[in-house]
């Protein structure tokens, strides 16, 4: 029997079955208006199509929870319309569509370890660590005295991702980047 979860138990990243599809909860918000019943406003992402939709549910509504598991794999390379990964234990290769991993791709280096999310024994996406350490390959040089707070400039990282960094960051520096928001955290 499938596990049933209520809207009160929603968490970001949880998977639920809805309308015959598997959906990942991207965001949720419990709302208690002054008049009327409470409800939960959610943003859901379909694992099949990749579509993101906003849905509202009554508080206490129940859904079937979809069990997921993660497996450590190594990112090998980007092959255009798909990404090739390798199981570190069995050395079997797995290919995922580029659309499935599009959000994570700017922060993945070849030969880096990633966690692949499996839903019903089918690869459904990649779970990155909350932050990664990457080198700046291109940015305008910092000038002495550029310490004004909250002023940023674009910097290209070794993976090709472009992030906004403070003015004092120079080419060749190694930075810690938040993978959820794509924001600069600190020098590493």
N, C-alpha and C. Protein backbone atom coordinates (compact mmCIF):
# COMPACT_ATOMS: atom_id res chain seq x y z
N UNK A 1 0.84 -1.19 0.00
CA UNK A 1 0.00 0.00 0.00
C UNK A 1 0.88 1.24 0.00
N UNK A 2 0.52 2.20 -0.80
CA UNK A 2 1.32 3.44 -0.91
C UNK A 2 1.14 4.30 0.33
N UNK A 3 2.18 5.01 0.68
CA UNK A 3 2.12 5.93 1.81
C UNK A 3 1.33 7.16 1.40
N UNK A 4 0.47 7.63 2.29
CA UNK A 4 -0.36 8.79 2.02
C UNK A 4 0.17 9.96 2.84
N UNK A 5 0.30 11.13 2.20
CA UNK A 5 0.74 12.32 2.92
C UNK A 5 -0.33 13.40 2.82
N UNK A 6 -0.43 14.17 3.85
CA UNK A 6 -1.37 15.28 3.90
C UNK A 6 -0.64 16.55 3.48
N UNK A 7 -1.38 17.59 3.11
CA UNK A 7 -0.75 18.86 2.74
C UNK A 7 0.03 19.45 3.92
N UNK A 8 -0.31 19.05 5.14
CA UNK A 8 0.42 19.54 6.33
C UNK A 8 1.84 18.97 6.37
N UNK A 9 2.08 17.85 5.67
CA UNK A 9 3.39 17.20 5.71
C UNK A 9 4.24 17.53 4.49
N UNK A 10 3.79 18.44 3.63
CA UNK A 10 4.56 18.80 2.43
C UNK A 10 5.92 19.34 2.81
N UNK A 11 6.94 18.97 2.03
CA UNK A 11 8.31 19.49 2.18
C UNK A 11 8.84 19.75 0.77
N UNK A 12 9.73 20.72 0.63
CA UNK A 12 10.37 20.97 -0.66
C UNK A 12 11.16 19.74 -1.07
N UNK A 13 11.01 19.32 -2.32
CA UNK A 13 11.72 18.16 -2.82
C UNK A 13 10.95 16.86 -2.69
N UNK A 14 9.83 16.85 -1.96
CA UNK A 14 9.01 15.65 -1.81
C UNK A 14 8.31 15.36 -3.14
N UNK A 15 8.05 14.09 -3.41
CA UNK A 15 7.37 13.68 -4.64
C UNK A 15 5.99 13.13 -4.30
N UNK A 16 4.98 13.55 -5.07
CA UNK A 16 3.62 13.06 -4.86
C UNK A 16 3.03 12.60 -6.19
N UNK A 17 2.02 11.73 -6.10
CA UNK A 17 1.30 11.27 -7.30
C UNK A 17 0.03 12.11 -7.40
N UNK A 18 -0.17 12.71 -8.58
CA UNK A 18 -1.33 13.57 -8.81
C UNK A 18 -1.72 13.46 -10.28
N UNK A 19 -2.97 13.19 -10.55
CA UNK A 19 -3.48 13.07 -11.93
C UNK A 19 -2.70 12.04 -12.74
N UNK A 20 -2.29 10.96 -12.13
CA UNK A 20 -1.59 9.90 -12.84
C UNK A 20 -0.14 10.20 -13.17
N UNK A 21 0.41 11.29 -12.65
CA UNK A 21 1.80 11.65 -12.90
C UNK A 21 2.53 11.82 -11.57
N UNK A 22 3.86 11.82 -11.66
CA UNK A 22 4.69 12.07 -10.48
C UNK A 22 5.14 13.52 -10.52
N UNK A 23 4.92 14.22 -9.41
CA UNK A 23 5.24 15.65 -9.32
C UNK A 23 6.18 15.87 -8.15
N UNK A 24 7.13 16.79 -8.32
CA UNK A 24 8.06 17.18 -7.26
C UNK A 24 7.61 18.52 -6.71
N UNK A 25 7.54 18.65 -5.40
CA UNK A 25 7.15 19.91 -4.77
C UNK A 25 8.36 20.84 -4.79
N UNK A 26 8.26 21.93 -5.57
CA UNK A 26 9.35 22.89 -5.67
C UNK A 26 9.23 23.90 -4.53
N UNK A 27 8.02 24.42 -4.32
CA UNK A 27 7.74 25.37 -3.24
C UNK A 27 6.34 25.10 -2.72
N UNK A 28 6.11 25.45 -1.47
CA UNK A 28 4.76 25.37 -0.92
C UNK A 28 4.60 26.45 0.13
N UNK A 29 3.34 26.86 0.34
CA UNK A 29 3.07 27.89 1.33
C UNK A 29 1.70 27.63 1.94
N UNK A 30 1.67 27.51 3.27
CA UNK A 30 0.39 27.36 3.96
C UNK A 30 -0.22 28.75 4.11
N UNK A 31 -1.50 28.88 3.74
CA UNK A 31 -2.17 30.18 3.81
C UNK A 31 -3.42 30.03 4.67
N UNK A 32 -3.56 30.88 5.66
CA UNK A 32 -4.74 30.88 6.54
C UNK A 32 -5.39 32.26 6.44
N UNK A 33 -6.34 32.39 5.51
CA UNK A 33 -7.00 33.69 5.39
C UNK A 33 -7.87 33.97 6.61
N UNK A 34 -8.20 35.21 6.83
CA UNK A 34 -9.04 35.59 7.97
C UNK A 34 -10.44 35.02 7.85
N UNK A 35 -10.88 34.84 6.65
CA UNK A 35 -12.23 34.34 6.40
C UNK A 35 -12.13 33.10 5.52
N UNK A 36 -12.80 32.03 5.88
CA UNK A 36 -12.75 30.82 5.06
C UNK A 36 -11.72 29.84 5.58
N UNK A 37 -11.58 28.71 4.87
CA UNK A 37 -10.68 27.64 5.30
C UNK A 37 -9.26 27.85 4.84
N UNK A 38 -8.34 27.21 5.53
CA UNK A 38 -6.92 27.29 5.18
C UNK A 38 -6.67 26.50 3.90
N UNK A 39 -5.62 26.89 3.18
CA UNK A 39 -5.24 26.17 1.97
C UNK A 39 -3.73 26.20 1.80
N UNK A 40 -3.24 25.38 0.87
CA UNK A 40 -1.81 25.29 0.61
C UNK A 40 -1.57 25.64 -0.86
N UNK A 41 -0.76 26.66 -1.09
CA UNK A 41 -0.39 27.08 -2.44
C UNK A 41 0.94 26.43 -2.77
N UNK A 42 1.02 25.68 -3.89
CA UNK A 42 2.24 24.95 -4.22
C UNK A 42 2.70 25.25 -5.63
N UNK A 43 3.97 25.02 -5.85
CA UNK A 43 4.56 25.04 -7.19
C UNK A 43 5.10 23.64 -7.40
N UNK A 44 4.58 22.94 -8.42
CA UNK A 44 4.93 21.55 -8.68
C UNK A 44 5.64 21.41 -10.02
N UNK A 45 6.60 20.49 -10.09
CA UNK A 45 7.30 20.22 -11.35
C UNK A 45 7.05 18.77 -11.74
N UNK A 46 6.58 18.57 -12.96
CA UNK A 46 6.32 17.23 -13.47
C UNK A 46 7.63 16.55 -13.82
N UNK A 47 7.80 15.29 -13.37
CA UNK A 47 9.02 14.56 -13.71
C UNK A 47 8.97 14.06 -15.15
N UNK A 48 7.77 13.89 -15.70
CA UNK A 48 7.64 13.39 -17.07
C UNK A 48 7.92 14.48 -18.09
N UNK A 49 7.23 15.62 -17.97
CA UNK A 49 7.35 16.67 -18.98
C UNK A 49 8.30 17.80 -18.59
N UNK A 50 8.57 17.95 -17.29
CA UNK A 50 9.41 19.05 -16.83
C UNK A 50 8.64 20.34 -16.64
N UNK A 51 7.32 20.31 -16.90
CA UNK A 51 6.49 21.50 -16.76
C UNK A 51 6.34 21.88 -15.29
N UNK A 52 6.34 23.18 -15.03
CA UNK A 52 6.14 23.68 -13.67
C UNK A 52 4.77 24.34 -13.61
N UNK A 53 3.94 23.90 -12.68
CA UNK A 53 2.60 24.45 -12.53
C UNK A 53 2.37 24.88 -11.09
N UNK A 54 1.45 25.82 -10.92
CA UNK A 54 1.06 26.25 -9.58
C UNK A 54 -0.32 25.67 -9.30
N UNK A 55 -0.45 25.03 -8.14
CA UNK A 55 -1.73 24.42 -7.76
C UNK A 55 -2.04 24.82 -6.33
N UNK A 56 -3.33 24.91 -6.04
CA UNK A 56 -3.79 25.22 -4.69
C UNK A 56 -4.63 24.05 -4.19
N UNK A 57 -4.35 23.61 -2.96
CA UNK A 57 -5.07 22.49 -2.36
C UNK A 57 -5.67 22.92 -1.03
N UNK A 58 -6.78 22.29 -0.65
CA UNK A 58 -7.37 22.55 0.67
C UNK A 58 -6.45 21.97 1.75
N UNK A 59 -6.39 22.59 2.89
CA UNK A 59 -5.58 22.09 4.00
C UNK A 59 -6.11 20.71 4.40
N UNK A 60 -5.21 19.77 4.61
CA UNK A 60 -5.59 18.44 5.03
C UNK A 60 -5.88 17.48 3.89
N UNK A 61 -5.84 17.94 2.64
CA UNK A 61 -6.05 17.07 1.49
C UNK A 61 -4.94 16.03 1.45
N UNK A 62 -5.25 14.80 1.01
CA UNK A 62 -4.27 13.72 1.05
C UNK A 62 -3.87 13.27 -0.36
N UNK A 63 -2.58 12.86 -0.49
CA UNK A 63 -2.03 12.41 -1.76
C UNK A 63 -1.16 11.19 -1.51
N UNK A 64 -0.96 10.38 -2.56
CA UNK A 64 -0.03 9.26 -2.47
C UNK A 64 1.38 9.80 -2.59
N UNK A 65 2.24 9.41 -1.65
CA UNK A 65 3.64 9.83 -1.71
C UNK A 65 4.41 8.84 -2.58
N UNK A 66 5.29 9.35 -3.42
CA UNK A 66 6.11 8.51 -4.28
C UNK A 66 7.48 8.38 -3.64
N UNK A 67 7.90 7.14 -3.42
CA UNK A 67 9.20 6.89 -2.81
C UNK A 67 10.32 7.11 -3.82
N UNK A 68 11.35 7.76 -3.36
CA UNK A 68 12.50 8.03 -4.23
C UNK A 68 13.76 7.52 -3.54
N UNK A 69 14.79 7.29 -4.34
CA UNK A 69 16.09 6.93 -3.77
C UNK A 69 17.16 7.65 -4.58
N UNK A 70 18.31 7.84 -3.97
CA UNK A 70 19.42 8.49 -4.67
C UNK A 70 20.59 7.52 -4.74
N UNK A 71 21.38 7.69 -5.80
CA UNK A 71 22.54 6.83 -6.00
C UNK A 71 23.71 7.72 -6.41
N UNK A 72 24.88 7.48 -5.81
CA UNK A 72 26.07 8.24 -6.16
C UNK A 72 26.55 7.82 -7.55
N UNK A 73 26.72 8.81 -8.42
CA UNK A 73 27.21 8.54 -9.77
C UNK A 73 28.23 9.61 -10.13
N UNK A 74 28.97 9.35 -11.21
CA UNK A 74 29.98 10.29 -11.67
C UNK A 74 29.52 10.89 -12.99
N UNK A 75 29.57 12.23 -13.07
CA UNK A 75 29.21 12.92 -14.31
C UNK A 75 30.39 12.80 -15.27
N UNK A 76 30.16 12.19 -16.44
CA UNK A 76 31.24 11.99 -17.40
C UNK A 76 31.32 13.13 -18.40
N UNK A 77 30.25 13.35 -19.19
CA UNK A 77 30.30 14.42 -20.18
C UNK A 77 28.90 14.76 -20.69
N UNK A 78 28.83 15.89 -21.37
CA UNK A 78 27.61 16.38 -21.99
C UNK A 78 27.68 16.00 -23.47
N UNK A 79 26.70 15.21 -23.93
CA UNK A 79 26.71 14.72 -25.32
C UNK A 79 25.68 15.45 -26.17
N UNK A 80 25.49 16.74 -25.95
CA UNK A 80 24.53 17.50 -26.74
C UNK A 80 23.14 17.47 -26.16
N UNK A 81 22.30 16.53 -26.62
CA UNK A 81 20.93 16.48 -26.12
C UNK A 81 20.78 15.53 -24.93
N UNK A 82 21.87 14.90 -24.50
CA UNK A 82 21.83 14.07 -23.30
C UNK A 82 23.13 14.19 -22.51
N UNK A 83 23.05 13.79 -21.25
CA UNK A 83 24.19 13.85 -20.33
C UNK A 83 24.52 12.42 -19.92
N UNK A 84 25.81 12.08 -19.93
CA UNK A 84 26.25 10.71 -19.63
C UNK A 84 26.82 10.66 -18.22
N UNK A 85 26.31 9.69 -17.43
CA UNK A 85 26.74 9.48 -16.05
C UNK A 85 27.18 8.02 -15.91
N UNK A 86 28.00 7.75 -14.88
CA UNK A 86 28.47 6.39 -14.65
C UNK A 86 28.26 6.01 -13.19
N UNK A 87 27.75 4.82 -12.98
CA UNK A 87 27.59 4.27 -11.64
C UNK A 87 28.98 3.96 -11.11
N UNK A 88 29.32 4.49 -9.94
CA UNK A 88 30.68 4.33 -9.41
C UNK A 88 30.94 2.93 -8.87
N UNK A 89 29.90 2.12 -8.65
CA UNK A 89 30.10 0.77 -8.14
C UNK A 89 30.14 -0.26 -9.27
N UNK A 90 29.21 -0.17 -10.22
CA UNK A 90 29.12 -1.18 -11.27
C UNK A 90 29.75 -0.73 -12.59
N UNK A 91 30.10 0.54 -12.70
CA UNK A 91 30.68 1.15 -13.90
C UNK A 91 29.72 1.15 -15.10
N UNK A 92 28.43 0.95 -14.83
CA UNK A 92 27.43 1.04 -15.90
C UNK A 92 27.19 2.50 -16.22
N UNK A 93 26.99 2.79 -17.52
CA UNK A 93 26.72 4.17 -17.92
C UNK A 93 25.23 4.39 -18.07
N UNK A 94 24.81 5.61 -17.75
CA UNK A 94 23.41 5.99 -17.80
C UNK A 94 23.31 7.31 -18.53
N UNK A 95 22.35 7.46 -19.39
CA UNK A 95 22.18 8.74 -20.07
C UNK A 95 20.86 9.36 -19.65
N UNK A 96 20.90 10.64 -19.33
CA UNK A 96 19.71 11.41 -18.98
C UNK A 96 19.52 12.49 -20.03
N UNK A 97 18.28 12.84 -20.30
CA UNK A 97 18.04 13.92 -21.27
C UNK A 97 18.54 15.23 -20.70
N UNK A 98 19.04 16.09 -21.58
CA UNK A 98 19.57 17.37 -21.15
C UNK A 98 18.51 18.21 -20.43
N UNK A 99 17.26 18.12 -20.87
CA UNK A 99 16.18 18.89 -20.25
C UNK A 99 15.97 18.49 -18.78
N UNK A 100 16.24 17.23 -18.46
CA UNK A 100 16.07 16.74 -17.09
C UNK A 100 17.07 17.38 -16.13
N UNK A 101 18.28 17.64 -16.61
CA UNK A 101 19.35 18.13 -15.73
C UNK A 101 19.75 19.57 -16.05
N UNK A 102 18.93 20.28 -16.81
CA UNK A 102 19.28 21.62 -17.27
C UNK A 102 19.61 22.59 -16.13
N UNK A 103 18.89 22.49 -15.00
CA UNK A 103 19.14 23.40 -13.88
C UNK A 103 20.48 23.12 -13.20
N UNK A 104 20.90 21.86 -13.18
CA UNK A 104 22.12 21.48 -12.48
C UNK A 104 23.36 21.57 -13.35
N UNK A 105 23.20 21.50 -14.66
CA UNK A 105 24.34 21.43 -15.59
C UNK A 105 25.37 22.56 -15.45
N UNK A 106 24.96 23.82 -15.23
CA UNK A 106 25.97 24.88 -15.10
C UNK A 106 26.93 24.71 -13.92
N UNK A 107 26.60 23.85 -12.97
CA UNK A 107 27.42 23.69 -11.77
C UNK A 107 28.10 22.33 -11.70
N UNK A 108 28.04 21.55 -12.80
CA UNK A 108 28.64 20.22 -12.82
C UNK A 108 29.91 20.22 -13.66
N UNK A 109 30.99 19.68 -13.10
CA UNK A 109 32.25 19.53 -13.81
C UNK A 109 32.39 18.07 -14.23
N UNK A 110 33.00 17.81 -15.40
CA UNK A 110 33.26 16.42 -15.76
C UNK A 110 34.07 15.72 -14.67
N UNK A 111 33.77 14.47 -14.41
CA UNK A 111 34.39 13.63 -13.38
C UNK A 111 33.95 13.98 -11.97
N UNK A 112 32.98 14.88 -11.79
CA UNK A 112 32.52 15.20 -10.44
C UNK A 112 31.44 14.21 -10.01
N UNK A 113 31.33 14.01 -8.71
CA UNK A 113 30.32 13.10 -8.17
C UNK A 113 29.00 13.86 -7.99
N UNK A 114 27.92 13.19 -8.38
CA UNK A 114 26.58 13.76 -8.21
C UNK A 114 25.67 12.66 -7.68
N UNK A 115 24.55 13.07 -7.13
CA UNK A 115 23.56 12.09 -6.69
C UNK A 115 22.41 12.10 -7.69
N UNK A 116 22.14 10.93 -8.28
CA UNK A 116 21.07 10.80 -9.25
C UNK A 116 19.82 10.32 -8.52
N UNK A 117 18.71 11.01 -8.77
CA UNK A 117 17.44 10.70 -8.13
C UNK A 117 16.70 9.67 -8.96
N UNK A 118 16.29 8.57 -8.33
CA UNK A 118 15.52 7.52 -9.01
C UNK A 118 14.12 7.47 -8.43
N UNK A 119 13.13 7.48 -9.32
CA UNK A 119 11.72 7.36 -8.93
C UNK A 119 11.21 6.11 -9.63
N UNK A 120 10.75 5.14 -8.85
CA UNK A 120 10.28 3.86 -9.40
C UNK A 120 11.34 3.24 -10.32
N UNK A 121 12.59 3.19 -9.87
CA UNK A 121 13.72 2.61 -10.62
C UNK A 121 13.97 3.29 -11.96
N UNK A 122 13.56 4.55 -12.10
CA UNK A 122 13.78 5.30 -13.33
C UNK A 122 14.50 6.60 -12.95
N UNK A 123 15.61 6.88 -13.62
CA UNK A 123 16.37 8.09 -13.31
C UNK A 123 15.51 9.30 -13.63
N UNK A 124 15.39 10.21 -12.66
CA UNK A 124 14.47 11.34 -12.82
C UNK A 124 15.14 12.69 -12.66
N UNK A 125 16.40 12.74 -12.26
CA UNK A 125 17.05 14.03 -12.08
C UNK A 125 18.32 13.91 -11.26
N UNK A 126 18.91 15.06 -10.98
CA UNK A 126 20.16 15.12 -10.24
C UNK A 126 20.00 16.00 -9.02
N UNK A 127 20.50 15.51 -7.89
CA UNK A 127 20.54 16.30 -6.66
C UNK A 127 21.97 16.77 -6.48
N UNK A 128 22.18 18.07 -6.59
CA UNK A 128 23.52 18.63 -6.38
C UNK A 128 23.69 18.96 -4.91
N UNK A 129 24.95 19.05 -4.43
CA UNK A 129 25.15 19.56 -3.08
C UNK A 129 24.66 21.02 -3.01
N UNK A 130 24.44 21.55 -1.83
CA UNK A 130 23.90 22.90 -1.71
C UNK A 130 24.87 23.96 -2.23
N UNK A 131 26.18 23.64 -2.24
CA UNK A 131 27.15 24.58 -2.80
C UNK A 131 28.28 23.81 -3.50
N UNK A 132 28.89 24.47 -4.49
CA UNK A 132 30.03 23.88 -5.21
C UNK A 132 31.16 24.89 -5.23
N UNK A 133 32.39 24.40 -5.42
CA UNK A 133 33.57 25.25 -5.48
C UNK A 133 34.06 25.26 -6.93
N UNK A 134 34.07 26.45 -7.54
CA UNK A 134 34.47 26.59 -8.94
C UNK A 134 35.42 27.77 -9.11
N UNK A 135 36.26 27.69 -10.14
CA UNK A 135 37.24 28.74 -10.42
C UNK A 135 36.68 29.75 -11.41
N UNK A 136 37.03 31.03 -11.22
CA UNK A 136 36.63 32.09 -12.13
C UNK A 136 37.58 32.07 -13.33
N UNK A 137 37.03 31.91 -14.54
CA UNK A 137 37.89 31.89 -15.73
C UNK A 137 37.93 33.23 -16.43
N UNK A 138 36.90 34.05 -16.23
CA UNK A 138 36.88 35.34 -16.90
C UNK A 138 36.03 36.35 -16.13
N UNK A 139 36.60 37.51 -15.85
CA UNK A 139 35.86 38.61 -15.25
C UNK A 139 36.70 39.87 -15.39
N UNK A 140 36.07 41.01 -15.27
CA UNK A 140 36.83 42.25 -15.31
C UNK A 140 37.72 42.32 -14.09
N UNK A 141 38.91 42.89 -14.21
CA UNK A 141 39.80 42.93 -13.04
C UNK A 141 39.25 43.85 -11.95
N UNK A 142 39.52 43.45 -10.71
CA UNK A 142 39.12 44.28 -9.58
C UNK A 142 40.09 45.42 -9.41
N UNK A 143 39.59 46.54 -8.93
CA UNK A 143 40.42 47.72 -8.72
C UNK A 143 40.51 47.98 -7.22
N UNK A 144 41.69 48.35 -6.75
CA UNK A 144 41.87 48.61 -5.32
C UNK A 144 40.91 49.72 -4.91
N UNK A 145 40.20 49.47 -3.83
CA UNK A 145 39.24 50.45 -3.35
C UNK A 145 37.82 50.11 -3.75
N UNK A 146 37.63 49.10 -4.60
CA UNK A 146 36.28 48.67 -4.99
C UNK A 146 35.69 47.81 -3.89
N UNK A 147 35.24 48.43 -2.81
CA UNK A 147 34.67 47.66 -1.71
C UNK A 147 33.27 48.13 -1.37
N UNK A 148 32.64 48.86 -2.28
CA UNK A 148 31.27 49.32 -2.03
C UNK A 148 30.38 48.09 -1.91
N UNK A 149 29.52 48.06 -0.90
CA UNK A 149 28.69 46.87 -0.69
C UNK A 149 27.57 46.80 -1.73
N UNK A 150 27.17 45.58 -2.02
CA UNK A 150 26.05 45.27 -2.93
C UNK A 150 26.25 45.72 -4.37
N UNK A 151 27.47 45.93 -4.81
CA UNK A 151 27.73 46.22 -6.22
C UNK A 151 28.38 44.97 -6.79
N UNK A 152 27.85 44.48 -7.93
CA UNK A 152 28.36 43.22 -8.48
C UNK A 152 28.75 43.38 -9.95
N UNK A 153 29.45 42.37 -10.44
CA UNK A 153 29.84 42.30 -11.85
C UNK A 153 29.69 40.84 -12.28
N UNK A 154 29.53 40.57 -13.58
CA UNK A 154 29.42 39.18 -14.02
C UNK A 154 30.78 38.50 -14.06
N UNK A 155 30.79 37.20 -13.73
CA UNK A 155 32.01 36.40 -13.79
C UNK A 155 31.67 35.06 -14.41
N UNK A 156 32.52 34.60 -15.35
CA UNK A 156 32.32 33.30 -15.98
C UNK A 156 33.12 32.27 -15.21
N UNK A 157 32.48 31.16 -14.83
CA UNK A 157 33.14 30.09 -14.08
C UNK A 157 33.67 29.02 -15.03
N UNK A 158 34.47 28.10 -14.51
CA UNK A 158 35.09 27.06 -15.34
C UNK A 158 34.08 26.15 -16.02
N UNK A 159 32.85 26.08 -15.53
CA UNK A 159 31.83 25.25 -16.17
C UNK A 159 31.07 26.02 -17.24
N UNK A 160 31.33 27.31 -17.35
CA UNK A 160 30.62 28.14 -18.34
C UNK A 160 29.49 28.94 -17.74
N UNK A 161 29.15 28.68 -16.49
CA UNK A 161 28.07 29.42 -15.82
C UNK A 161 28.52 30.86 -15.57
N UNK A 162 27.59 31.80 -15.68
CA UNK A 162 27.88 33.21 -15.39
C UNK A 162 27.12 33.58 -14.13
N UNK A 163 27.85 34.06 -13.12
CA UNK A 163 27.24 34.48 -11.85
C UNK A 163 27.66 35.90 -11.53
N UNK A 164 26.87 36.56 -10.71
CA UNK A 164 27.20 37.91 -10.25
C UNK A 164 28.07 37.80 -9.01
N UNK A 165 29.21 38.51 -9.03
CA UNK A 165 30.15 38.46 -7.91
C UNK A 165 30.50 39.88 -7.48
N UNK A 166 31.02 40.07 -6.26
CA UNK A 166 31.45 41.40 -5.83
C UNK A 166 32.60 41.93 -6.69
N UNK A 167 32.80 43.22 -6.69
CA UNK A 167 33.80 43.87 -7.54
C UNK A 167 35.24 43.43 -7.25
N UNK A 168 35.54 42.99 -6.02
CA UNK A 168 36.91 42.65 -5.66
C UNK A 168 37.35 41.25 -6.14
N UNK A 169 36.47 40.48 -6.72
CA UNK A 169 36.81 39.13 -7.21
C UNK A 169 37.58 39.25 -8.53
N UNK A 170 38.67 38.50 -8.65
CA UNK A 170 39.52 38.53 -9.85
C UNK A 170 39.54 37.18 -10.55
N UNK A 171 40.02 37.18 -11.79
CA UNK A 171 40.17 35.96 -12.57
C UNK A 171 41.13 35.02 -11.86
N UNK A 172 40.83 33.72 -11.87
CA UNK A 172 41.69 32.73 -11.24
C UNK A 172 41.32 32.42 -9.79
N UNK A 173 40.45 33.21 -9.18
CA UNK A 173 40.05 32.93 -7.80
C UNK A 173 39.06 31.78 -7.76
N UNK A 174 39.02 31.07 -6.65
CA UNK A 174 38.13 29.94 -6.47
C UNK A 174 37.01 30.38 -5.53
N UNK A 175 35.76 30.16 -5.99
CA UNK A 175 34.60 30.65 -5.25
C UNK A 175 33.66 29.51 -4.86
N UNK A 176 32.90 29.74 -3.79
CA UNK A 176 31.83 28.82 -3.40
C UNK A 176 30.52 29.43 -3.92
N UNK A 177 29.76 28.62 -4.69
CA UNK A 177 28.54 29.07 -5.33
C UNK A 177 27.35 28.25 -4.82
N UNK A 178 26.24 28.91 -4.51
CA UNK A 178 25.02 28.24 -4.08
C UNK A 178 24.34 27.64 -5.32
N UNK A 179 24.16 26.33 -5.37
CA UNK A 179 23.60 25.67 -6.55
C UNK A 179 22.09 25.87 -6.67
N UNK A 180 21.40 26.19 -5.59
CA UNK A 180 19.94 26.39 -5.67
C UNK A 180 19.60 27.72 -6.30
N UNK A 181 20.39 28.76 -6.00
CA UNK A 181 20.09 30.10 -6.51
C UNK A 181 21.08 30.59 -7.55
N UNK A 182 22.24 29.94 -7.64
CA UNK A 182 23.28 30.38 -8.58
C UNK A 182 23.97 31.64 -8.09
N UNK A 183 23.96 31.87 -6.78
CA UNK A 183 24.53 33.09 -6.21
C UNK A 183 25.91 32.82 -5.58
N UNK A 184 26.76 33.85 -5.61
CA UNK A 184 28.07 33.82 -4.97
C UNK A 184 27.89 33.75 -3.45
N UNK A 185 28.64 32.87 -2.79
CA UNK A 185 28.58 32.79 -1.32
C UNK A 185 29.83 33.43 -0.72
N UNK A 186 31.02 32.89 -1.12
CA UNK A 186 32.28 33.37 -0.55
C UNK A 186 33.45 32.84 -1.38
N UNK A 187 34.64 33.37 -1.08
CA UNK A 187 35.86 32.79 -1.66
C UNK A 187 36.11 31.47 -0.97
N UNK A 188 36.64 30.52 -1.73
CA UNK A 188 36.90 29.18 -1.12
C UNK A 188 38.37 29.05 -0.77
